[in-house]
N, C-alpha and C. Protein backbone atom coordinates (compact mmCIF):
# COMPACT_ATOMS: atom_id res chain seq x y z
N MET A 1 91.77 126.67 158.23
CA MET A 1 91.44 127.25 159.85
C MET A 1 91.44 128.36 160.38
N ASP A 2 90.06 128.88 160.44
CA ASP A 2 90.41 130.53 161.18
C ASP A 2 90.74 130.63 162.45
N ALA A 3 91.57 131.64 163.00
CA ALA A 3 92.06 132.19 164.16
C ALA A 3 91.04 131.52 165.20
N ASP A 4 89.83 131.94 165.13
CA ASP A 4 88.91 131.61 166.34
C ASP A 4 88.81 130.18 166.58
N ALA A 5 88.76 129.38 165.27
CA ALA A 5 88.72 127.81 165.57
C ALA A 5 90.02 127.31 166.23
N GLY A 6 91.32 128.21 165.45
CA GLY A 6 92.62 127.51 166.12
C GLY A 6 92.53 127.77 167.48
N ILE A 7 91.89 128.34 168.27
CA ILE A 7 91.98 128.83 169.73
C ILE A 7 90.89 128.05 170.35
N ARG A 8 90.20 127.27 169.85
CA ARG A 8 88.95 126.33 170.84
C ARG A 8 89.44 125.55 171.79
N ALA A 9 90.95 125.23 171.67
CA ALA A 9 91.34 124.67 172.47
C ALA A 9 91.70 125.18 174.03
N ALA A 10 91.85 126.58 173.96
CA ALA A 10 91.91 127.62 174.90
C ALA A 10 90.82 127.88 175.54
N ARG A 11 89.79 127.04 175.43
CA ARG A 11 88.41 127.82 175.75
C ARG A 11 88.41 128.04 177.40
N PRO A 12 89.07 127.70 178.20
CA PRO A 12 88.92 127.98 179.93
C PRO A 12 89.90 129.31 179.90
N LEU A 13 90.69 129.69 178.98
CA LEU A 13 91.17 130.93 179.04
C LEU A 13 90.36 132.19 178.57
N ARG A 14 89.32 131.56 177.34
CA ARG A 14 88.48 132.34 176.99
C ARG A 14 87.35 132.71 178.08
N LEU A 15 87.01 131.75 178.91
CA LEU A 15 86.16 131.62 179.79
C LEU A 15 86.88 132.95 181.06
N LEU A 16 87.71 132.63 181.22
CA LEU A 16 88.40 133.73 182.29
C LEU A 16 88.61 135.03 181.69
N LEU A 17 88.66 135.18 180.62
CA LEU A 17 88.33 136.61 179.93
C LEU A 17 86.98 137.03 180.35
N LEU A 18 86.01 136.59 179.98
CA LEU A 18 84.62 136.80 180.44
C LEU A 18 84.36 136.84 182.09
N VAL A 19 85.15 136.12 182.83
CA VAL A 19 85.23 136.49 184.13
C VAL A 19 85.89 138.01 184.40
N ALA A 20 87.08 138.18 183.71
CA ALA A 20 87.61 139.27 184.30
C ALA A 20 86.95 140.59 183.71
N ALA A 21 85.97 140.37 182.50
CA ALA A 21 85.15 141.32 182.06
C ALA A 21 84.14 141.62 183.34
N LEU A 22 83.54 140.60 183.87
CA LEU A 22 82.61 141.12 184.90
C LEU A 22 83.17 141.46 185.95
N ASP A 23 84.46 141.02 186.27
CA ASP A 23 85.24 141.77 187.43
C ASP A 23 85.54 143.21 187.07
N SER A 24 86.04 143.45 185.61
CA SER A 24 85.99 145.25 185.46
C SER A 24 85.14 145.84 185.77
N LEU A 25 83.78 145.19 185.17
CA LEU A 25 82.66 146.14 185.37
C LEU A 25 82.43 146.11 186.68
N MET A 26 82.38 145.30 187.81
CA MET A 26 81.92 145.19 189.30
C MET A 26 82.91 146.21 189.66
N VAL A 27 84.35 145.92 189.67
CA VAL A 27 85.20 147.07 190.61
C VAL A 27 85.03 148.23 190.00
N GLY A 28 85.11 148.67 188.58
CA GLY A 28 84.89 149.71 188.04
C GLY A 28 83.44 150.29 188.32
N THR A 29 82.58 149.71 188.68
CA THR A 29 81.25 150.30 189.00
C THR A 29 81.52 150.86 190.46
N TRP A 30 81.80 149.93 191.30
CA TRP A 30 82.07 150.51 192.51
C TRP A 30 82.97 151.54 193.10
N ALA A 31 83.76 151.52 191.94
CA ALA A 31 85.08 152.87 192.42
C ALA A 31 84.39 154.08 191.85
N VAL A 32 83.41 154.04 190.96
CA VAL A 32 82.58 155.30 190.39
C VAL A 32 81.58 155.67 191.45
N LEU A 33 80.51 154.45 191.69
CA LEU A 33 79.59 154.75 192.51
C LEU A 33 79.74 155.16 194.36
N ARG A 34 80.86 154.45 194.47
CA ARG A 34 81.19 154.55 196.03
C ARG A 34 82.93 154.55 196.59
N PRO A 35 83.35 155.93 195.95
CA PRO A 35 84.99 156.07 196.08
C PRO A 35 85.20 155.91 197.42
N ASP A 36 84.30 156.52 198.51
CA ASP A 36 84.31 156.48 200.04
C ASP A 36 84.55 155.16 200.53
N GLY A 37 84.11 154.37 200.00
CA GLY A 37 84.34 152.79 200.09
C GLY A 37 85.68 152.15 199.89
N LEU A 38 86.20 152.26 199.08
CA LEU A 38 87.80 152.10 198.62
C LEU A 38 88.63 153.20 199.76
N PHE A 39 88.44 154.39 200.12
CA PHE A 39 89.14 155.07 201.07
C PHE A 39 88.96 154.47 202.52
N ALA A 40 87.76 154.20 202.70
CA ALA A 40 87.51 153.47 204.00
C ALA A 40 88.14 152.14 204.25
N TRP A 41 88.13 151.33 203.20
CA TRP A 41 88.92 149.95 203.13
C TRP A 41 90.28 150.29 203.41
N LEU A 42 91.03 151.27 202.62
CA LEU A 42 91.92 151.69 202.85
C LEU A 42 92.64 152.33 203.81
N GLN A 43 91.66 152.72 204.62
CA GLN A 43 91.56 153.34 206.10
C GLN A 43 92.44 154.83 205.94
N VAL A 44 91.99 155.47 204.66
CA VAL A 44 92.71 156.74 204.58
C VAL A 44 91.51 157.94 204.59
N PRO A 45 91.33 159.08 204.84
CA PRO A 45 90.52 159.98 204.76
C PRO A 45 90.56 160.54 203.24
N PRO A 46 89.03 160.41 202.75
CA PRO A 46 88.85 160.71 201.33
C PRO A 46 89.33 162.39 201.03
N THR A 47 89.50 162.41 200.09
CA THR A 47 89.68 164.07 199.34
C THR A 47 89.10 164.01 198.49
N PRO A 48 88.77 165.19 198.11
CA PRO A 48 88.13 165.69 196.96
C PRO A 48 88.97 165.11 195.55
N ASP A 49 90.13 165.14 195.39
CA ASP A 49 91.10 164.87 194.45
C ASP A 49 90.85 163.53 194.21
N GLY A 50 90.96 162.92 195.81
CA GLY A 50 91.26 161.34 195.65
C GLY A 50 89.77 160.83 194.83
N GLN A 51 88.63 161.51 195.56
CA GLN A 51 87.56 160.87 195.03
C GLN A 51 87.38 161.27 193.18
N VAL A 52 87.73 162.39 192.88
CA VAL A 52 87.79 162.14 191.36
C VAL A 52 88.84 161.37 190.67
N LEU A 53 89.82 161.33 191.10
CA LEU A 53 90.73 160.22 190.71
C LEU A 53 90.34 159.02 190.98
N CYS A 54 89.54 158.26 191.97
CA CYS A 54 88.91 157.06 192.06
C CYS A 54 87.84 157.16 190.92
N ARG A 55 87.13 157.83 190.68
CA ARG A 55 86.04 157.40 189.65
C ARG A 55 86.60 157.46 188.59
N ALA A 56 87.68 158.15 188.27
CA ALA A 56 88.30 158.34 187.07
C ALA A 56 88.81 156.66 186.60
N LEU A 57 89.46 156.16 187.26
CA LEU A 57 90.08 154.89 187.19
C LEU A 57 88.92 153.83 187.18
N GLY A 58 88.01 154.42 187.99
CA GLY A 58 86.87 153.07 187.78
C GLY A 58 86.42 153.29 186.70
N VAL A 59 85.96 154.52 185.89
CA VAL A 59 85.66 154.43 184.46
C VAL A 59 86.38 153.79 183.64
N LEU A 60 87.74 154.10 183.83
CA LEU A 60 88.73 153.37 182.96
C LEU A 60 88.69 151.94 183.09
N THR A 61 88.54 151.34 184.12
CA THR A 61 88.55 149.92 184.35
C THR A 61 87.13 149.07 184.12
N MET A 62 86.03 149.86 183.92
CA MET A 62 84.78 149.78 183.26
C MET A 62 85.08 149.25 181.76
N ALA A 63 86.00 150.46 180.95
CA ALA A 63 86.30 150.09 179.74
C ALA A 63 86.81 148.78 179.56
N HIS A 64 87.35 148.28 180.39
CA HIS A 64 88.11 147.12 179.86
C HIS A 64 87.15 145.64 179.68
N ALA A 65 85.91 145.90 180.09
CA ALA A 65 84.96 144.63 180.18
C ALA A 65 84.36 144.80 178.53
N PRO A 66 84.40 145.49 177.79
CA PRO A 66 83.78 145.40 176.38
C PRO A 66 84.98 144.55 175.35
N CYS A 67 86.43 145.27 176.01
CA CYS A 67 87.68 144.61 175.12
C CYS A 67 87.58 143.32 175.70
N LEU A 68 87.47 142.94 176.68
CA LEU A 68 87.53 141.60 177.43
C LEU A 68 86.61 140.41 176.69
N VAL A 69 85.04 141.04 176.66
CA VAL A 69 84.49 140.37 176.12
C VAL A 69 84.46 139.99 174.93
N LEU A 70 84.89 141.38 173.87
CA LEU A 70 84.98 141.05 172.46
C LEU A 70 86.03 140.23 172.12
N ALA A 71 87.29 140.26 173.05
CA ALA A 71 88.45 139.17 172.82
C ALA A 71 88.11 137.74 173.12
N ALA A 72 86.98 137.70 173.99
CA ALA A 72 86.78 136.29 174.48
C ALA A 72 85.86 135.74 173.43
N LEU A 73 85.02 136.49 172.76
CA LEU A 73 84.07 135.86 171.91
C LEU A 73 84.78 135.90 170.41
N TRP A 74 85.38 136.73 170.33
CA TRP A 74 86.00 136.88 168.44
C TRP A 74 87.62 137.11 168.82
N PRO A 75 88.22 136.16 169.43
CA PRO A 75 89.60 136.25 169.57
C PRO A 75 90.53 136.29 168.24
N GLY A 76 90.21 136.15 167.07
CA GLY A 76 90.48 136.02 165.90
C GLY A 76 90.94 137.52 165.39
N LYS A 77 89.73 138.13 165.34
CA LYS A 77 89.54 139.48 165.12
C LYS A 77 89.65 140.53 166.17
N TRP A 78 89.41 140.36 167.49
CA TRP A 78 89.43 141.34 168.42
C TRP A 78 90.26 140.90 169.83
N GLY A 79 91.02 139.71 169.57
CA GLY A 79 91.92 139.28 170.70
C GLY A 79 93.10 140.37 170.59
N GLY A 80 93.64 141.50 170.14
CA GLY A 80 94.43 142.34 170.74
C GLY A 80 93.75 143.12 171.69
N LEU A 81 92.59 143.22 171.56
CA LEU A 81 91.96 144.19 172.59
C LEU A 81 92.42 143.71 173.80
N VAL A 82 92.59 142.77 174.25
CA VAL A 82 93.17 142.27 175.60
C VAL A 82 94.38 143.02 176.08
N VAL A 83 95.12 143.62 175.04
CA VAL A 83 96.19 144.71 175.60
C VAL A 83 95.76 145.99 176.36
N VAL A 84 94.47 146.42 176.24
CA VAL A 84 93.94 147.40 176.99
C VAL A 84 93.90 147.06 178.47
N PRO A 85 93.28 145.83 178.86
CA PRO A 85 92.99 145.79 180.41
C PRO A 85 94.55 145.04 180.84
N LEU A 86 95.48 144.76 179.97
CA LEU A 86 96.58 144.22 180.65
C LEU A 86 97.52 145.83 180.68
N LEU A 87 97.47 146.40 179.97
CA LEU A 87 98.10 147.85 180.42
C LEU A 87 97.38 148.36 181.67
N GLY A 88 96.11 148.50 181.56
CA GLY A 88 95.26 149.19 182.93
C GLY A 88 95.13 148.47 184.03
N ARG A 89 95.31 147.23 183.88
CA ARG A 89 95.62 146.47 185.38
C ARG A 89 97.13 146.59 185.61
N ALA A 90 98.09 146.52 184.86
CA ALA A 90 99.48 146.87 185.27
C ALA A 90 99.53 148.17 185.70
N VAL A 91 98.90 148.95 185.36
CA VAL A 91 99.49 150.45 185.80
C VAL A 91 98.62 150.61 187.22
N LEU A 92 97.39 149.86 187.47
CA LEU A 92 96.76 150.00 189.16
C LEU A 92 97.94 149.36 190.07
N ALA A 93 98.09 147.88 189.26
CA ALA A 93 99.21 147.12 190.11
C ALA A 93 100.59 148.03 190.36
N GLY A 94 101.18 148.89 189.63
CA GLY A 94 101.89 149.74 189.88
C GLY A 94 101.49 150.66 190.84
N VAL A 95 100.42 151.33 190.71
CA VAL A 95 99.99 152.29 191.50
C VAL A 95 99.70 151.87 193.24
N TRP A 96 99.33 150.44 193.38
CA TRP A 96 99.30 149.71 194.71
C TRP A 96 100.76 149.46 195.15
N LEU A 97 101.47 149.07 194.36
CA LEU A 97 102.92 148.78 194.66
C LEU A 97 103.56 149.97 195.48
N TRP A 98 103.17 151.09 194.77
CA TRP A 98 103.99 152.49 194.84
C TRP A 98 103.22 152.88 196.00
N LEU A 99 101.83 152.66 196.64
CA LEU A 99 101.76 152.92 197.68
C LEU A 99 101.99 152.13 198.90
N VAL A 100 102.22 150.85 198.16
CA VAL A 100 102.88 149.85 199.64
C VAL A 100 104.05 150.42 200.14
N ASN A 101 104.96 151.13 199.23
CA ASN A 101 106.68 151.43 199.72
C ASN A 101 106.44 152.95 199.71
N SER A 102 105.37 153.56 199.91
CA SER A 102 105.33 155.03 199.94
C SER A 102 105.57 155.54 201.18
N ASP A 103 106.16 156.72 201.50
CA ASP A 103 105.79 157.53 203.03
C ASP A 103 105.01 158.57 202.74
N ARG A 104 104.18 158.94 201.73
CA ARG A 104 103.48 160.22 201.35
C ARG A 104 101.93 159.38 202.13
N VAL A 105 101.60 158.58 202.21
CA VAL A 105 100.49 158.42 202.93
C VAL A 105 100.23 156.82 203.40
N GLN A 106 99.75 156.60 204.64
CA GLN A 106 99.66 155.53 205.31
C GLN A 106 98.55 154.61 205.06
N PRO A 107 98.25 153.91 203.88
CA PRO A 107 96.77 153.27 203.87
C PRO A 107 97.25 152.01 204.43
N SER A 108 96.17 151.16 204.64
CA SER A 108 96.12 149.87 205.28
C SER A 108 97.12 148.75 204.27
N PRO A 109 98.02 148.46 204.86
CA PRO A 109 99.15 147.55 204.33
C PRO A 109 98.11 146.21 203.51
N SER A 110 97.35 145.69 204.50
CA SER A 110 96.88 144.63 204.37
C SER A 110 95.76 144.68 202.73
N ALA A 111 95.21 145.76 202.74
CA ALA A 111 94.26 146.54 201.98
C ALA A 111 95.06 146.58 200.74
N LEU A 112 95.95 147.02 201.02
CA LEU A 112 96.83 147.16 199.14
C LEU A 112 97.47 146.24 199.05
N ARG A 113 97.73 145.19 199.61
CA ARG A 113 98.29 143.78 199.17
C ARG A 113 97.39 143.19 198.22
N TRP A 114 95.64 143.28 198.98
CA TRP A 114 94.88 142.60 198.24
C TRP A 114 94.74 143.21 196.91
N LEU A 115 94.31 144.68 196.86
CA LEU A 115 94.36 145.22 195.74
C LEU A 115 95.52 144.77 194.45
N LEU A 116 96.86 144.74 195.19
CA LEU A 116 97.88 144.54 194.29
C LEU A 116 97.79 143.12 193.56
N ALA A 117 97.43 142.33 194.80
CA ALA A 117 97.25 140.89 194.31
C ALA A 117 96.12 140.67 193.05
N HIS A 118 94.76 141.19 193.43
CA HIS A 118 93.84 141.40 192.43
C HIS A 118 94.21 141.69 191.24
N ASP A 119 94.62 142.89 191.14
CA ASP A 119 95.16 143.44 189.66
C ASP A 119 96.04 142.64 189.02
N ALA A 120 97.20 141.97 189.61
CA ALA A 120 98.34 141.36 189.17
C ALA A 120 97.87 140.08 188.97
N ALA A 121 96.74 139.64 189.51
CA ALA A 121 96.43 138.29 189.13
C ALA A 121 96.08 137.90 187.70
N TRP A 122 95.17 139.11 187.13
CA TRP A 122 95.17 138.90 185.94
C TRP A 122 96.20 139.21 184.77
N LEU A 123 97.12 139.63 185.32
CA LEU A 123 98.44 139.83 183.84
C LEU A 123 98.67 138.71 183.19
N PRO A 124 99.00 137.54 184.16
CA PRO A 124 99.28 136.20 183.50
C PRO A 124 98.32 135.76 182.69
N VAL A 125 96.96 135.57 182.92
CA VAL A 125 95.46 135.49 182.03
C VAL A 125 95.90 136.15 180.88
N PHE A 126 95.86 137.59 180.67
CA PHE A 126 95.93 138.34 179.69
C PHE A 126 96.83 138.33 178.80
N ALA A 127 98.30 138.09 179.42
CA ALA A 127 99.23 137.57 178.45
C ALA A 127 99.45 136.51 177.79
N ALA A 128 98.72 135.27 178.60
CA ALA A 128 98.57 134.08 177.84
C ALA A 128 97.78 133.99 176.61
N HIS A 129 96.50 134.94 176.74
CA HIS A 129 95.47 134.93 175.89
C HIS A 129 96.16 135.52 174.69
N ILE A 130 97.02 136.73 175.12
CA ILE A 130 97.71 137.42 173.98
C ILE A 130 98.64 136.45 173.02
N ALA A 131 99.31 135.54 173.78
CA ALA A 131 100.42 134.62 173.29
C ALA A 131 99.58 133.60 172.47
N VAL A 132 98.62 133.12 172.66
CA VAL A 132 97.77 131.85 172.00
C VAL A 132 97.05 132.52 171.01
N THR A 133 96.71 133.80 171.13
CA THR A 133 95.73 134.28 170.03
C THR A 133 96.94 134.62 168.96
N ALA A 134 98.07 134.99 169.02
CA ALA A 134 98.92 135.65 168.13
C ALA A 134 99.60 134.18 167.50
N ARG A 135 99.49 133.35 168.30
CA ARG A 135 100.20 131.70 167.84
C ARG A 135 99.11 131.16 166.99
N ALA A 136 97.97 131.16 167.17
CA ALA A 136 96.75 130.77 166.32
C ALA A 136 96.49 131.42 164.98
N THR A 137 96.48 132.74 165.14
CA THR A 137 96.39 133.84 164.02
C THR A 137 97.71 133.49 163.02
N LYS A 138 99.02 133.38 163.49
CA LYS A 138 100.22 132.96 162.78
C LYS A 138 100.08 131.74 161.75
N HIS A 139 99.29 130.81 162.64
CA HIS A 139 99.23 129.75 162.00
C HIS A 139 98.04 129.00 161.04
N ALA A 140 97.16 130.33 161.32
CA ALA A 140 95.87 130.18 160.50
C ALA A 140 95.98 130.28 159.17
């Protein structure tokens, strides 16, 4: 039994990875094309450096999509790629958490909580996929 067949029981988890890929693509594209939208939502005036950082984080978030698609479709071969979005979303959640508790800028607390929840919500999905894939690969 190969690893891909070994995690067929985890089909909902694989579907969630495809949803996460779509989410990464949409959120990343929004950050790249409309960084002012994020600043407006956060109720913070945009700065040139902030716009560059927002676009860079958007490109990195978009890079999660192919990793997630490959891991969802061929988990035995590419399942480990889920580490990329796991670390990326963890870093983003850390940025939002830092901003919630920072006195340097005063963004909208409710917007930050939504962003934090959005990025942190994917972490258990990615961790579960890594665990299931590792277990299936080990027993293959």
